[in-house]
Structure formats: C-alpha cells, structure tokens
Amino acid sequence: MIDLVLSQLSDVFRIGLIVALVLTMHRTSPVTGRVLPLAAGVVFVAVLLPSTMPGAPDSLPHAILAGLVSNLIILVPVLVLARWLARFRR
C-alpha cells in the first residue's frame, strides 16, 4: 500500500489535476463554495485515474483508497501555495 501511495505521489498527471482543481475552486468559490468542490474533486480524481488504468480489478479498491490518501497529501501543499500566492498578490 505504501508503494502504491508513493507511486501515485509522483504521478505528474495526478498533480496537474489537483492543481487544476484548486485553480477552478478559487475561480468558482463565490458560487459553489470551497469545501464541497474540493472534496468532490479529490474523490473524482481518486476514482478516475485507477479505473481508467489497466490493472487487476480486485486491486481497484486499494488503488482508490491509496489515491484518496495521495490526493490529500498533494492537496495540502497546493492549497498552502495558493493561499500564499493570494496574499502575495494583495
């Protein structure tokens, strides 16, 4: 499980999707809020990537769970960086 999380942490496509999620969240936050779109996006990316990759179907729940963990690990520094950039712009 740890190897799976570490491999997902280095996935450039996953990192790009999380960054795009945060950018979209900032643009649409007056209408949709912040928490619900982030939670839905994290779950969406965690389910989307393993289910579109070839692999054993019995390992899909483990890949989704590892995806949730790695998405949250990636999301925290991206949110910190986004907040820092927003303060820097003001």
PDB file of N, CA and C in Angstrom:
ATOM      1  N   MET A   1       0.822  -1.189   0.000  1.00  0.00           N
ATOM      2  CA  MET A   1       0.000   0.000   0.000  1.00  0.00           C
ATOM      3  C   MET A   1       0.867   1.254   0.000  1.00  0.00           C
ATOM      4  N   ILE A   2       1.954   1.231   0.765  1.00  0.00           N
ATOM      5  CA  ILE A   2       2.843   2.393   0.818  1.00  0.00           C
ATOM      6  C   ILE A   2       3.496   2.613  -0.538  1.00  0.00           C
ATOM      7  N   ASP A   3       3.882   1.540  -1.208  1.00  0.00           N
ATOM      8  CA  ASP A   3       4.471   1.677  -2.545  1.00  0.00           C
ATOM      9  C   ASP A   3       3.476   2.275  -3.530  1.00  0.00           C
ATOM     10  N   LEU A   4       2.228   1.897  -3.402  1.00  0.00           N
ATOM     11  CA  LEU A   4       1.191   2.426  -4.279  1.00  0.00           C
ATOM     12  C   LEU A   4       0.991   3.919  -4.044  1.00  0.00           C
ATOM     13  N   VAL A   5       0.962   4.347  -2.795  1.00  0.00           N
ATOM     14  CA  VAL A   5       0.815   5.770  -2.478  1.00  0.00           C
ATOM     15  C   VAL A   5       2.026   6.545  -2.985  1.00  0.00           C
ATOM     16  N   LEU A   6       3.225   6.013  -2.789  1.00  0.00           N
ATOM     17  CA  LEU A   6       4.422   6.706  -3.251  1.00  0.00           C
ATOM     18  C   LEU A   6       4.461   6.822  -4.772  1.00  0.00           C
ATOM     19  N   SER A   7       4.014   5.796  -5.469  1.00  0.00           N
ATOM     20  CA  SER A   7       3.985   5.887  -6.924  1.00  0.00           C
ATOM     21  C   SER A   7       2.939   6.898  -7.386  1.00  0.00           C
ATOM     22  N   GLN A   8       1.843   6.995  -6.671  1.00  0.00           N
ATOM     23  CA  GLN A   8       0.818   7.971  -7.038  1.00  0.00           C
ATOM     24  C   GLN A   8       1.240   9.390  -6.703  1.00  0.00           C
ATOM     25  N   LEU A   9       2.043   9.563  -5.683  1.00  0.00           N
ATOM     26  CA  LEU A   9       2.531  10.898  -5.339  1.00  0.00           C
ATOM     27  C   LEU A   9       3.439  11.469  -6.414  1.00  0.00           C
ATOM     28  N   SER A  10       4.092  10.618  -7.169  1.00  0.00           N
ATOM     29  CA  SER A  10       4.992  11.098  -8.219  1.00  0.00           C
ATOM     30  C   SER A  10       4.324  11.148  -9.585  1.00  0.00           C
ATOM     31  N   ASP A  11       3.026  10.908  -9.638  1.00  0.00           N
ATOM     32  CA  ASP A  11       2.272  10.949 -10.892  1.00  0.00           C
ATOM     33  C   ASP A  11       2.014  12.402 -11.283  1.00  0.00           C
ATOM     34  N   VAL A  12       2.619  12.827 -12.381  1.00  0.00           N
ATOM     35  CA  VAL A  12       2.521  14.219 -12.822  1.00  0.00           C
ATOM     36  C   VAL A  12       1.089  14.562 -13.229  1.00  0.00           C
ATOM     37  N   PHE A  13       0.393  13.626 -13.829  1.00  0.00           N
ATOM     38  CA  PHE A  13      -0.985  13.867 -14.247  1.00  0.00           C
ATOM     39  C   PHE A  13      -1.880  14.103 -13.030  1.00  0.00           C
ATOM     40  N   ARG A  14      -1.686  13.329 -11.970  1.00  0.00           N
ATOM     41  CA  ARG A  14      -2.457  13.491 -10.735  1.00  0.00           C
ATOM     42  C   ARG A  14      -2.174  14.857 -10.106  1.00  0.00           C
ATOM     43  N   ILE A  15      -0.916  15.247 -10.079  1.00  0.00           N
ATOM     44  CA  ILE A  15      -0.555  16.551  -9.516  1.00  0.00           C
ATOM     45  C   ILE A  15      -1.188  17.665 -10.342  1.00  0.00           C
ATOM     46  N   GLY A  16      -1.145  17.539 -11.650  1.00  0.00           N
ATOM     47  CA  GLY A  16      -1.756  18.544 -12.520  1.00  0.00           C
ATOM     48  C   GLY A  16      -3.256  18.648 -12.316  1.00  0.00           C
ATOM     49  N   LEU A  17      -3.926  17.513 -12.128  1.00  0.00           N
ATOM     50  CA  LEU A  17      -5.369  17.541 -11.884  1.00  0.00           C
ATOM     51  C   LEU A  17      -5.698  18.217 -10.548  1.00  0.00           C
ATOM     52  N   ILE A  18      -4.895  17.983  -9.538  1.00  0.00           N
ATOM     53  CA  ILE A  18      -5.136  18.613  -8.237  1.00  0.00           C
ATOM     54  C   ILE A  18      -4.890  20.115  -8.320  1.00  0.00           C
ATOM     55  N   VAL A  19      -3.840  20.531  -9.028  1.00  0.00           N
ATOM     56  CA  VAL A  19      -3.581  21.962  -9.208  1.00  0.00           C
ATOM     57  C   VAL A  19      -4.734  22.612  -9.971  1.00  0.00           C
ATOM     58  N   ALA A  20      -5.205  21.962 -11.030  1.00  0.00           N
ATOM     59  CA  ALA A  20      -6.339  22.491 -11.790  1.00  0.00           C
ATOM     60  C   ALA A  20      -7.595  22.534 -10.928  1.00  0.00           C
ATOM     61  N   LEU A  21      -7.763  21.571 -10.049  1.00  0.00           N
ATOM     62  CA  LEU A  21      -8.899  21.566  -9.143  1.00  0.00           C
ATOM     63  C   LEU A  21      -8.871  22.775  -8.218  1.00  0.00           C
ATOM     64  N   VAL A  22      -7.702  23.089  -7.681  1.00  0.00           N
ATOM     65  CA  VAL A  22      -7.584  24.234  -6.777  1.00  0.00           C
ATOM     66  C   VAL A  22      -7.807  25.543  -7.545  1.00  0.00           C
ATOM     67  N   LEU A  23      -7.272  25.648  -8.750  1.00  0.00           N
ATOM     68  CA  LEU A  23      -7.496  26.849  -9.549  1.00  0.00           C
ATOM     69  C   LEU A  23      -8.979  27.034  -9.866  1.00  0.00           C
ATOM     70  N   THR A  24      -9.640  25.967 -10.235  1.00  0.00           N
ATOM     71  CA  THR A  24     -11.071  26.032 -10.522  1.00  0.00           C
ATOM     72  C   THR A  24     -11.865  26.376  -9.272  1.00  0.00           C
ATOM     73  N   MET A  25     -11.463  25.819  -8.140  1.00  0.00           N
ATOM     74  CA  MET A  25     -12.142  26.105  -6.879  1.00  0.00           C
ATOM     75  C   MET A  25     -12.046  27.588  -6.547  1.00  0.00           C
ATOM     76  N   HIS A  26     -10.877  28.186  -6.760  1.00  0.00           N
ATOM     77  CA  HIS A  26     -10.725  29.612  -6.464  1.00  0.00           C
ATOM     78  C   HIS A  26     -11.581  30.477  -7.384  1.00  0.00           C
ATOM     79  N   ARG A  27     -11.696  30.087  -8.638  1.00  0.00           N
ATOM     80  CA  ARG A  27     -12.491  30.880  -9.583  1.00  0.00           C
ATOM     81  C   ARG A  27     -13.984  30.762  -9.331  1.00  0.00           C
ATOM     82  N   THR A  28     -14.430  29.605  -8.893  1.00  0.00           N
ATOM     83  CA  THR A  28     -15.868  29.382  -8.724  1.00  0.00           C
ATOM     84  C   THR A  28     -16.322  29.434  -7.273  1.00  0.00           C
ATOM     85  N   SER A  29     -15.449  29.776  -6.341  1.00  0.00           N
ATOM     86  CA  SER A  29     -15.805  29.740  -4.921  1.00  0.00           C
ATOM     87  C   SER A  29     -16.938  30.693  -4.538  1.00  0.00           C
ATOM     88  N   PRO A  30     -17.122  31.850  -5.174  1.00  0.00           N
ATOM     89  CA  PRO A  30     -18.284  32.669  -4.774  1.00  0.00           C
ATOM     90  C   PRO A  30     -19.629  31.993  -5.056  1.00  0.00           C
ATOM     91  N   VAL A  31     -19.673  31.129  -6.039  1.00  0.00           N
ATOM     92  CA  VAL A  31     -20.931  30.481  -6.409  1.00  0.00           C
ATOM     93  C   VAL A  31     -21.080  29.121  -5.735  1.00  0.00           C
ATOM     94  N   THR A  32     -20.019  28.307  -5.766  1.00  0.00           N
ATOM     95  CA  THR A  32     -20.134  26.925  -5.304  1.00  0.00           C
ATOM     96  C   THR A  32     -19.549  26.671  -3.928  1.00  0.00           C
ATOM     97  N   GLY A  33     -18.812  27.601  -3.389  1.00  0.00           N
ATOM     98  CA  GLY A  33     -18.146  27.375  -2.116  1.00  0.00           C
ATOM     99  C   GLY A  33     -16.778  26.756  -2.325  1.00  0.00           C
ATOM    100  N   ARG A  34     -16.171  26.296  -1.251  1.00  0.00           N
ATOM    101  CA  ARG A  34     -14.817  25.754  -1.346  1.00  0.00           C
ATOM    102  C   ARG A  34     -14.723  24.291  -0.953  1.00  0.00           C
ATOM    103  N   VAL A  35     -15.354  23.910   0.125  1.00  0.00           N
ATOM    104  CA  VAL A  35     -15.152  22.572   0.683  1.00  0.00           C
ATOM    105  C   VAL A  35     -15.769  21.484  -0.199  1.00  0.00           C
ATOM    106  N   LEU A  36     -17.003  21.660  -0.597  1.00  0.00           N
ATOM    107  CA  LEU A  36     -17.676  20.628  -1.380  1.00  0.00           C
ATOM    108  C   LEU A  36     -17.001  20.384  -2.735  1.00  0.00           C
ATOM    109  N   PRO A  37     -16.630  21.424  -3.500  1.00  0.00           N
ATOM    110  CA  PRO A  37     -15.931  21.148  -4.759  1.00  0.00           C
ATOM    111  C   PRO A  37     -14.572  20.475  -4.561  1.00  0.00           C
ATOM    112  N   LEU A  38     -13.851  20.856  -3.509  1.00  0.00           N
ATOM    113  CA  LEU A  38     -12.564  20.204  -3.248  1.00  0.00           C
ATOM    114  C   LEU A  38     -12.758  18.737  -2.889  1.00  0.00           C
ATOM    115  N   ALA A  39     -13.711  18.461  -2.027  1.00  0.00           N
ATOM    116  CA  ALA A  39     -13.954  17.064  -1.631  1.00  0.00           C
ATOM    117  C   ALA A  39     -14.400  16.232  -2.822  1.00  0.00           C
ATOM    118  N   ALA A  40     -15.308  16.771  -3.619  1.00  0.00           N
ATOM    119  CA  ALA A  40     -15.783  16.033  -4.788  1.00  0.00           C
ATOM    120  C   ALA A  40     -14.656  15.830  -5.803  1.00  0.00           C
ATOM    121  N   GLY A  41     -13.817  16.835  -5.978  1.00  0.00           N
ATOM    122  CA  GLY A  41     -12.703  16.716  -6.918  1.00  0.00           C
ATOM    123  C   GLY A  41     -11.667  15.702  -6.479  1.00  0.00           C
ATOM    124  N   VAL A  42     -11.360  15.685  -5.197  1.00  0.00           N
ATOM    125  CA  VAL A  42     -10.392  14.722  -4.677  1.00  0.00           C
ATOM    126  C   VAL A  42     -10.908  13.300  -4.870  1.00  0.00           C
ATOM    127  N   VAL A  43     -12.177  13.070  -4.579  1.00  0.00           N
ATOM    128  CA  VAL A  43     -12.758  11.741  -4.761  1.00  0.00           C
ATOM    129  C   VAL A  43     -12.812  11.390  -6.245  1.00  0.00           C
ATOM    130  N   PHE A  44     -13.182  12.362  -7.087  1.00  0.00           N
ATOM    131  CA  PHE A  44     -13.264  12.126  -8.521  1.00  0.00           C
ATOM    132  C   PHE A  44     -11.918  11.698  -9.095  1.00  0.00           C
ATOM    133  N   VAL A  45     -10.856  12.399  -8.740  1.00  0.00           N
ATOM    134  CA  VAL A  45      -9.521  12.053  -9.248  1.00  0.00           C
ATOM    135  C   VAL A  45      -9.078  10.702  -8.695  1.00  0.00           C
ATOM    136  N   ALA A  46      -9.411  10.434  -7.435  1.00  0.00           N
ATOM    137  CA  ALA A  46      -9.022   9.157  -6.826  1.00  0.00           C
ATOM    138  C   ALA A  46      -9.709   7.972  -7.497  1.00  0.00           C
ATOM    139  N   VAL A  47     -10.915   8.167  -7.997  1.00  0.00           N
ATOM    140  CA  VAL A  47     -11.640   7.080  -8.660  1.00  0.00           C
ATOM    141  C   VAL A  47     -11.309   7.040 -10.144  1.00  0.00           C
ATOM    142  N   LEU A  48     -11.173   8.193 -10.770  1.00  0.00           N
ATOM    143  CA  LEU A  48     -10.975   8.267 -12.214  1.00  0.00           C
ATOM    144  C   LEU A  48      -9.667   7.616 -12.661  1.00  0.00           C
ATOM    145  N   LEU A  49      -8.579   7.978 -12.051  1.00  0.00           N
ATOM    146  CA  LEU A  49      -7.283   7.501 -12.528  1.00  0.00           C
ATOM    147  C   LEU A  49      -7.111   5.989 -12.410  1.00  0.00           C
ATOM    148  N   PRO A  50      -7.381   5.358 -11.274  1.00  0.00           N
ATOM    149  CA  PRO A  50      -7.207   3.900 -11.231  1.00  0.00           C
ATOM    150  C   PRO A  50      -8.205   3.139 -12.104  1.00  0.00           C
ATOM    151  N   SER A  51      -9.405   3.685 -12.265  1.00  0.00           N
ATOM    152  CA  SER A  51     -10.395   2.953 -13.046  1.00  0.00           C
ATOM    153  C   SER A  51     -10.147   3.047 -14.546  1.00  0.00           C
ATOM    154  N   THR A  52      -9.346   4.009 -14.994  1.00  0.00           N
ATOM    155  CA  THR A  52      -9.029   4.099 -16.412  1.00  0.00           C
ATOM    156  C   THR A  52      -7.698   3.451 -16.758  1.00  0.00           C
ATOM    157  N   MET A  53      -6.910   3.105 -15.764  1.00  0.00           N
ATOM    158  CA  MET A  53      -5.629   2.449 -15.994  1.00  0.00           C
ATOM    159  C   MET A  53      -5.834   0.939 -16.028  1.00  0.00           C
ATOM    160  N   PRO A  54      -5.085   0.250 -16.891  1.00  0.00           N
ATOM    161  CA  PRO A  54      -5.203  -1.207 -16.900  1.00  0.00           C
ATOM    162  C   PRO A  54      -4.610  -1.804 -15.624  1.00  0.00           C
ATOM    163  N   GLY A  55      -5.256  -2.767 -15.094  1.00  0.00           N
ATOM    164  CA  GLY A  55      -4.780  -3.413 -13.877  1.00  0.00           C
ATOM    165  C   GLY A  55      -5.780  -4.451 -13.423  1.00  0.00           C
ATOM    166  N   ALA A  56      -5.456  -5.103 -12.339  1.00  0.00           N
ATOM    167  CA  ALA A  56      -6.334  -6.143 -11.811  1.00  0.00           C
ATOM    168  C   ALA A  56      -7.570  -5.505 -11.183  1.00  0.00           C
ATOM    169  N   PRO A  57      -8.755  -5.987 -11.506  1.00  0.00           N
ATOM    170  CA  PRO A  57      -9.967  -5.402 -10.931  1.00  0.00           C
ATOM    171  C   PRO A  57     -10.086  -5.592  -9.426  1.00  0.00           C
ATOM    172  N   ASP A  58      -9.440  -6.622  -8.885  1.00  0.00           N
ATOM    173  CA  ASP A  58      -9.521  -6.816  -7.444  1.00  0.00           C
ATOM    174  C   ASP A  58      -8.665  -5.821  -6.673  1.00  0.00           C
ATOM    175  N   SER A  59      -7.730  -5.154  -7.332  1.00  0.00           N
ATOM    176  CA  SER A  59      -6.901  -4.166  -6.653  1.00  0.00           C
ATOM    177  C   SER A  59      -7.465  -2.755  -6.787  1.00  0.00           C
ATOM    178  N   LEU A  60      -8.609  -2.596  -7.448  1.00  0.00           N
ATOM    179  CA  LEU A  60      -9.211  -1.280  -7.643  1.00  0.00           C
ATOM    180  C   LEU A  60      -9.571  -0.586  -6.327  1.00  0.00           C
ATOM    181  N   PRO A  61     -10.176  -1.259  -5.356  1.00  0.00           N
ATOM    182  CA  PRO A  61     -10.459  -0.565  -4.085  1.00  0.00           C
ATOM    183  C   PRO A  61      -9.195  -0.092  -3.374  1.00  0.00           C
ATOM    184  N   HIS A  62      -8.127  -0.871  -3.450  1.00  0.00           N
ATOM    185  CA  HIS A  62      -6.871  -0.450  -2.832  1.00  0.00           C
ATOM    186  C   HIS A  62      -6.286   0.752  -3.561  1.00  0.00           C
ATOM    187  N   ALA A  63      -6.382   0.760  -4.879  1.00  0.00           N
ATOM    188  CA  ALA A  63      -5.868   1.881  -5.662  1.00  0.00           C
ATOM    189  C   ALA A  63      -6.673   3.148  -5.400  1.00  0.00           C
ATOM    190  N   ILE A  64      -7.978   3.016  -5.224  1.00  0.00           N
ATOM    191  CA  ILE A  64      -8.816   4.188  -4.929  1.00  0.00           C
ATOM    192  C   ILE A  64      -8.498   4.721  -3.536  1.00  0.00           C
ATOM    193  N   LEU A  65      -8.344   3.843  -2.568  1.00  0.00           N
ATOM    194  CA  LEU A  65      -8.003   4.276  -1.213  1.00  0.00           C
ATOM    195  C   LEU A  65      -6.634   4.944  -1.189  1.00  0.00           C
ATOM    196  N   ALA A  66      -5.668   4.364  -1.876  1.00  0.00           N
ATOM    197  CA  ALA A  66      -4.343   4.986  -1.950  1.00  0.00           C
ATOM    198  C   ALA A  66      -4.427   6.307  -2.701  1.00  0.00           C
ATOM    199  N   GLY A  67      -5.310   6.403  -3.698  1.00  0.00           N
ATOM    200  CA  GLY A  67      -5.498   7.650  -4.421  1.00  0.00           C
ATOM    201  C   GLY A  67      -6.069   8.744  -3.539  1.00  0.00           C
ATOM    202  N   LEU A  68      -6.995   8.397  -2.670  1.00  0.00           N
ATOM    203  CA  LEU A  68      -7.533   9.383  -1.729  1.00  0.00           C
ATOM    204  C   LEU A  68      -6.442   9.920  -0.815  1.00  0.00           C
ATOM    205  N   VAL A  69      -5.609   9.018  -0.312  1.00  0.00           N
ATOM    206  CA  VAL A  69      -4.516   9.434   0.575  1.00  0.00           C
ATOM    207  C   VAL A  69      -3.520  10.316  -0.174  1.00  0.00           C
ATOM    208  N   SER A  70      -3.113   9.883  -1.349  1.00  0.00           N
ATOM    209  CA  SER A  70      -2.116  10.665  -2.085  1.00  0.00           C
ATOM    210  C   SER A  70      -2.699  11.991  -2.566  1.00  0.00           C
ATOM    211  N   ASN A  71      -3.978  12.028  -2.931  1.00  0.00           N
ATOM    212  CA  ASN A  71      -4.586  13.291  -3.334  1.00  0.00           C
ATOM    213  C   ASN A  71      -4.611  14.290  -2.185  1.00  0.00           C
ATOM    214  N   LEU A  72      -4.925  13.820  -0.995  1.00  0.00           N
ATOM    215  CA  LEU A  72      -4.925  14.717   0.157  1.00  0.00           C
ATOM    216  C   LEU A  72      -3.521  15.203   0.486  1.00  0.00           C
ATOM    217  N   ILE A  73      -2.534  14.322   0.332  1.00  0.00           N
ATOM    218  CA  ILE A  73      -1.150  14.725   0.580  1.00  0.00           C
ATOM    219  C   ILE A  73      -0.706  15.774  -0.440  1.00  0.00           C
ATOM    220  N   ILE A  74      -1.131  15.637  -1.679  1.00  0.00           N
ATOM    221  CA  ILE A  74      -0.789  16.611  -2.719  1.00  0.00           C
ATOM    222  C   ILE A  74      -1.580  17.901  -2.519  1.00  0.00           C
ATOM    223  N   LEU A  75      -2.835  17.784  -2.088  1.00  0.00           N
ATOM    224  CA  LEU A  75      -3.712  18.942  -1.961  1.00  0.00           C
ATOM    225  C   LEU A  75      -3.235  19.932  -0.905  1.00  0.00           C
ATOM    226  N   VAL A  76      -2.699  19.453   0.182  1.00  0.00           N
ATOM    227  CA  VAL A  76      -2.286  20.344   1.275  1.00  0.00           C
ATOM    228  C   VAL A  76      -1.226  21.345   0.821  1.00  0.00           C
ATOM    229  N   PRO A  77      -0.094  20.936   0.219  1.00  0.00           N
ATOM    230  CA  PRO A  77       0.875  21.951  -0.204  1.00  0.00           C
ATOM    231  C   PRO A  77       0.357  22.845  -1.333  1.00  0.00           C
ATOM    232  N   VAL A  78      -0.515  22.305  -2.191  1.00  0.00           N
ATOM    233  CA  VAL A  78      -1.069  23.132  -3.261  1.00  0.00           C
ATOM    234  C   VAL A  78      -1.961  24.216  -2.672  1.00  0.00           C
ATOM    235  N   LEU A  79      -2.765  23.885  -1.666  1.00  0.00           N
ATOM    236  CA  LEU A  79      -3.598  24.891  -1.011  1.00  0.00           C
ATOM    237  C   LEU A  79      -2.765  25.921  -0.262  1.00  0.00           C
ATOM    238  N   VAL A  80      -1.707  25.470   0.390  1.00  0.00           N
ATOM    239  CA  VAL A  80      -0.814  26.401   1.092  1.00  0.00           C
ATOM    240  C   VAL A  80      -0.161  27.348   0.098  1.00  0.00           C
ATOM    241  N   LEU A  81       0.315  26.826  -1.016  1.00  0.00           N
ATOM    242  CA  LEU A  81       0.933  27.662  -2.042  1.00  0.00           C
ATOM    243  C   LEU A  81      -0.079  28.636  -2.642  1.00  0.00           C
ATOM    244  N   ALA A  82      -1.305  28.193  -2.869  1.00  0.00           N
ATOM    245  CA  ALA A  82      -2.340  29.064  -3.418  1.00  0.00           C
ATOM    246  C   ALA A  82      -2.682  30.188  -2.444  1.00  0.00           C
ATOM    247  N   ARG A  83      -2.778  29.869  -1.167  1.00  0.00           N
ATOM    248  CA  ARG A  83      -3.057  30.911  -0.171  1.00  0.00           C
ATOM    249  C   ARG A  83      -1.903  31.894  -0.087  1.00  0.00           C
ATOM    250  N   TRP A  84      -0.677  31.390  -0.137  1.00  0.00           N
ATOM    251  CA  TRP A  84       0.493  32.260  -0.088  1.00  0.00           C
ATOM    252  C   TRP A  84       0.520  33.189  -1.304  1.00  0.00           C
ATOM    253  N   LEU A  85       0.217  32.662  -2.474  1.00  0.00           N
ATOM    254  CA  LEU A  85       0.194  33.492  -3.680  1.00  0.00           C
ATOM    255  C   LEU A  85      -0.921  34.525  -3.628  1.00  0.00           C
ATOM    256  N   ALA A  86      -2.066  34.173  -3.049  1.00  0.00           N
ATOM    257  CA  ALA A  86      -3.171  35.129  -2.935  1.00  0.00           C
ATOM    258  C   ALA A  86      -2.801  36.266  -1.985  1.00  0.00           C
ATOM    259  N   ARG A  87      -2.112  35.967  -0.913  1.00  0.00           N
ATOM    260  CA  ARG A  87      -1.665  37.027  -0.005  1.00  0.00           C
ATOM    261  C   ARG A  87      -0.585  37.877  -0.617  1.00  0.00           C
ATOM    262  N   PHE A  88       0.276  37.250  -1.405  1.00  0.00           N
ATOM    263  CA  PHE A  88       1.369  37.977  -2.040  1.00  0.00           C
ATOM    264  C   PHE A  88       0.850  38.953  -3.090  1.00  0.00           C
ATOM    265  N   ARG A  89      -0.238  38.575  -3.771  1.00  0.00           N
ATOM    266  CA  ARG A  89      -0.812  39.438  -4.810  1.00  0.00           C
ATOM    267  C   ARG A  89      -1.448  40.686  -4.235  1.00  0.00           C
ATOM    268  N   ARG A  90      -1.953  40.644  -3.020  1.00  0.00           N
ATOM    269  CA  ARG A  90      -2.622  41.792  -2.407  1.00  0.00           C
ATOM    270  C   ARG A  90      -1.610  42.756  -1.974  1.00  0.00           C
TER     271      ARG A  90
END
